[in-house]
């Protein structure tokens, strides 16, 4: 959200041709296989990878990122950021600019306009983005296995139980994960309907 929302606002401020080109740059990596993208980050962040080679060339101290939480964070943000940007951009692009003009005419500052007008009206896109990022990241296994080899979240945790032939525990956690996904989907759908109804009254 912290990265995608400012990018969505910047894209909306560009003219149509430039914004379409920038969106294309965000979508372009998604054409590559998910596993290959993760392997690329593994090569970039490894101890003798591209990042440390570049730091050595610049006579800077090398860093150890691979198999740390930071590596997982980088990999997951890179893979799921477009799923957050696109629904936010779509919602912000359709935002009625007359609301912003009315807020300015009534003396609202840019910060107040954003908090009271822009952010509430963009909630459907925000909820869609959160849902699109939350559901696949909860069941993610590849990034954690290749960049950390840990059981940080349920996708990798379930896999570790089945790998140890503890099918009972793995099945139980799978049911819990299914219930969590169902509840989140139900809550976000209800929230989106409420925001749509509220927008109609505006």
Protein backbone atom coordinates (compact mmCIF):
# COMPACT_ATOMS: atom_id res chain seq x y z
CA UNK A 1 0.00 0.00 0.00
CA UNK A 2 2.77 2.45 0.94
CA UNK A 3 4.45 1.90 -2.43
CA UNK A 4 1.40 1.34 -4.63
CA UNK A 5 -0.76 4.30 -3.58
CA UNK A 6 1.80 7.03 -4.40
CA UNK A 7 2.57 5.25 -7.68
CA UNK A 8 -1.13 5.14 -8.49
CA UNK A 9 -1.43 8.88 -7.85
CA UNK A 10 1.62 9.57 -10.03
CA UNK A 11 0.20 7.44 -12.85
CA UNK A 12 -3.10 9.32 -12.67
CA UNK A 13 -1.24 12.64 -12.92
CA UNK A 14 0.50 11.59 -16.14
CA UNK A 15 -1.09 11.93 -19.55
CA UNK A 16 -2.74 8.85 -21.03
CA UNK A 17 0.15 7.71 -23.25
CA UNK A 18 2.78 8.04 -20.51
CA UNK A 19 0.64 6.31 -17.88
CA UNK A 20 -0.11 3.40 -20.25
CA UNK A 21 3.62 3.01 -20.92
CA UNK A 22 4.49 2.99 -17.20
CA UNK A 23 1.72 0.45 -16.50
CA UNK A 24 3.13 -1.69 -19.30
CA UNK A 25 6.55 -1.60 -17.59
CA UNK A 26 4.95 -2.85 -14.36
CA UNK A 27 3.08 -5.64 -16.14
CA UNK A 28 5.97 -6.71 -18.37
CA UNK A 29 7.81 -8.77 -15.69
CA UNK A 30 4.56 -10.67 -15.02
CA UNK A 31 4.89 -12.27 -18.47
CA UNK A 32 7.90 -14.18 -17.16
CA UNK A 33 7.42 -17.39 -15.21
CA UNK A 34 6.99 -16.89 -11.44
CA UNK A 35 9.72 -19.43 -10.65
CA UNK A 36 12.19 -17.76 -13.02
CA UNK A 37 11.58 -14.36 -11.43
CA UNK A 38 12.28 -15.81 -7.99
CA UNK A 39 15.43 -17.54 -9.26
CA UNK A 40 16.59 -14.22 -10.68
CA UNK A 41 16.27 -12.58 -7.26
CA UNK A 42 18.15 -15.52 -5.75
CA UNK A 43 21.04 -14.85 -8.13
CA UNK A 44 20.92 -11.10 -7.53
CA UNK A 45 20.88 -11.32 -3.72
CA UNK A 46 23.28 -14.24 -3.23
CA UNK A 47 26.60 -13.65 -1.49
CA UNK A 48 28.46 -13.77 -4.82
CA UNK A 49 25.58 -12.39 -6.85
CA UNK A 50 25.01 -9.28 -8.89
CA UNK A 51 24.39 -6.99 -5.91
CA UNK A 52 27.57 -7.88 -4.03
CA UNK A 53 29.59 -7.88 -7.25
CA UNK A 54 28.41 -4.32 -7.91
CA UNK A 55 29.18 -3.28 -4.33
CA UNK A 56 32.66 -4.78 -4.64
CA UNK A 57 33.23 -2.91 -7.90
CA UNK A 58 32.30 0.31 -6.11
CA UNK A 59 34.63 -0.60 -3.19
CA UNK A 60 31.68 -0.78 -0.78
CA UNK A 61 31.20 -3.44 1.91
CA UNK A 62 29.25 -6.49 0.80
CA UNK A 63 25.90 -7.34 2.37
CA UNK A 64 24.34 -10.65 3.33
CA UNK A 65 20.70 -10.57 2.28
CA UNK A 66 20.00 -13.98 0.84
CA UNK A 67 18.13 -16.35 3.20
CA UNK A 68 17.02 -13.47 5.41
CA UNK A 69 13.65 -11.85 6.03
CA UNK A 70 14.76 -8.89 3.89
CA UNK A 71 15.19 -11.20 0.89
CA UNK A 72 11.67 -12.57 1.39
CA UNK A 73 10.33 -9.03 1.67
CA UNK A 74 12.05 -7.93 -1.54
CA UNK A 75 10.86 -10.99 -3.46
CA UNK A 76 7.25 -10.76 -2.31
CA UNK A 77 6.99 -6.99 -2.86
CA UNK A 78 8.43 -7.37 -6.35
CA UNK A 79 6.04 -10.18 -7.30
CA UNK A 80 2.85 -8.78 -5.77
CA UNK A 81 3.24 -5.01 -6.18
CA UNK A 82 1.53 -4.92 -9.62
CA UNK A 83 -1.54 -6.63 -8.11
CA UNK A 84 -1.85 -3.68 -5.73
CA UNK A 85 -1.08 -0.92 -8.22
CA UNK A 86 -3.54 -1.89 -10.97
CA UNK A 87 -6.81 -1.83 -8.94
CA UNK A 88 -5.74 1.35 -7.15
CA UNK A 89 -4.86 3.05 -10.44
CA UNK A 90 -8.17 1.98 -11.99
CA UNK A 91 -10.15 3.39 -9.05
CA UNK A 92 -8.17 6.63 -8.88
CA UNK A 93 -8.45 7.13 -12.65
CA UNK A 94 -12.26 6.91 -12.44
CA UNK A 95 -12.42 9.30 -9.48
CA UNK A 96 -14.73 12.24 -10.19
CA UNK A 97 -12.45 15.29 -10.19
CA UNK A 98 -15.38 17.55 -9.34
CA UNK A 99 -15.22 16.26 -5.74
CA UNK A 100 -11.62 17.45 -5.49
CA UNK A 101 -12.53 20.82 -6.98
CA UNK A 102 -15.44 21.18 -4.57
CA UNK A 103 -13.18 20.41 -1.60
CA UNK A 104 -10.68 23.02 -2.79
CA UNK A 105 -13.45 25.60 -3.28
CA UNK A 106 -14.60 24.97 0.29
CA UNK A 107 -11.13 25.76 1.61
CA UNK A 108 -9.83 22.23 2.26
CA UNK A 109 -6.06 21.83 2.18
CA UNK A 110 -4.50 19.14 -0.04
CA UNK A 111 -3.96 16.91 3.00
CA UNK A 112 -7.58 17.27 4.16
CA UNK A 113 -8.80 16.70 0.59
CA UNK A 114 -6.79 13.50 0.39
CA UNK A 115 -7.92 12.20 3.79
CA UNK A 116 -11.59 13.16 3.44
CA UNK A 117 -12.20 12.72 -0.30
CA UNK A 118 -9.54 10.85 -2.26
CA UNK A 119 -8.78 8.08 0.23
CA UNK A 120 -12.42 7.18 1.08
CA UNK A 121 -13.45 7.15 -2.58
CA UNK A 122 -10.50 4.92 -3.49
CA UNK A 123 -11.35 2.31 -0.84
CA UNK A 124 -12.91 -0.17 -3.33
CA UNK A 125 -9.63 -0.29 -5.27
CA UNK A 126 -7.66 -0.54 -2.05
CA UNK A 127 -9.79 -3.44 -0.82
CA UNK A 128 -9.46 -5.21 -4.18
CA UNK A 129 -5.68 -4.76 -4.08
CA UNK A 130 -5.41 -6.04 -0.50
CA UNK A 131 -7.46 -9.10 -1.42
CA UNK A 132 -5.44 -9.79 -4.57
CA UNK A 133 -2.18 -9.58 -2.60
CA UNK A 134 -3.33 -11.29 0.60
CA UNK A 135 -4.77 -14.46 -0.92
CA UNK A 136 -1.73 -15.57 -3.00
CA UNK A 137 0.82 -14.42 -0.41
CA UNK A 138 -0.84 -16.48 2.32
CA UNK A 139 -0.35 -19.64 0.27
CA UNK A 140 3.06 -18.68 -1.12
CA UNK A 141 5.66 -21.41 -0.99
CA UNK A 142 8.22 -20.77 -3.72
CA UNK A 143 9.60 -17.41 -2.53
CA UNK A 144 9.99 -18.58 1.06
CA UNK A 145 11.61 -21.85 0.03
CA UNK A 146 14.08 -20.25 -2.39
CA UNK A 147 14.89 -16.99 -0.61
CA UNK A 148 14.62 -18.07 3.02
CA UNK A 149 13.89 -21.80 3.29
CA UNK A 150 11.69 -21.18 6.30
CA UNK A 151 8.12 -21.61 7.53
CA UNK A 152 7.21 -17.95 7.94
CA UNK A 153 3.64 -18.20 6.70
CA UNK A 154 1.08 -20.90 6.21
CA UNK A 155 1.92 -21.91 2.66
CA UNK A 156 5.42 -23.02 3.62
CA UNK A 157 4.27 -24.31 7.01
CA UNK A 158 1.70 -26.62 5.43
CA UNK A 159 4.29 -27.88 2.97
CA UNK A 160 6.71 -28.69 5.79
CA UNK A 161 4.08 -30.80 7.57
CA UNK A 162 3.24 -32.79 4.45
CA UNK A 163 6.94 -33.19 3.68
CA UNK A 164 7.33 -34.77 7.14
CA UNK A 165 4.32 -37.04 6.42
CA UNK A 166 2.34 -35.37 9.20
CA UNK A 167 -0.81 -35.20 7.08
CA UNK A 168 -3.12 -34.64 10.03
CA UNK A 169 -1.46 -31.38 11.11
CA UNK A 170 -1.02 -30.25 7.51
CA UNK A 171 -4.70 -30.88 6.77
CA UNK A 172 -5.81 -29.08 9.93
CA UNK A 173 -3.76 -25.97 9.11
CA UNK A 174 -5.06 -26.10 5.51
CA UNK A 175 -8.62 -25.98 6.83
CA UNK A 176 -7.71 -23.04 9.10
CA UNK A 177 -6.14 -21.25 6.12
CA UNK A 178 -9.25 -21.93 4.03
CA UNK A 179 -11.44 -20.46 6.80
CA UNK A 180 -9.23 -17.35 7.05
CA UNK A 181 -9.37 -16.81 3.28
CA UNK A 182 -13.16 -17.25 3.31
CA UNK A 183 -13.58 -14.74 6.14
CA UNK A 184 -11.29 -12.17 4.52
CA UNK A 185 -13.06 -12.54 1.16
CA UNK A 186 -16.48 -12.22 2.79
CA UNK A 187 -15.43 -9.18 4.84
CA UNK A 188 -13.82 -7.38 1.89
CA UNK A 189 -16.80 -8.05 -0.37
CA UNK A 190 -19.14 -6.63 2.24
CA UNK A 191 -16.91 -3.62 2.75
CA UNK A 192 -16.70 -2.97 -1.00
CA UNK A 193 -20.51 -3.09 -1.29
CA UNK A 194 -20.81 -0.64 1.61
CA UNK A 195 -18.35 1.76 0.00
CA UNK A 196 -20.17 1.50 -3.35
CA UNK A 197 -23.49 2.31 -1.69
CA UNK A 198 -21.96 5.23 0.16
CA UNK A 199 -20.44 6.54 -3.08
CA UNK A 200 -23.86 6.39 -4.74
CA UNK A 201 -25.33 8.62 -2.02
CA UNK A 202 -22.48 11.10 -2.48
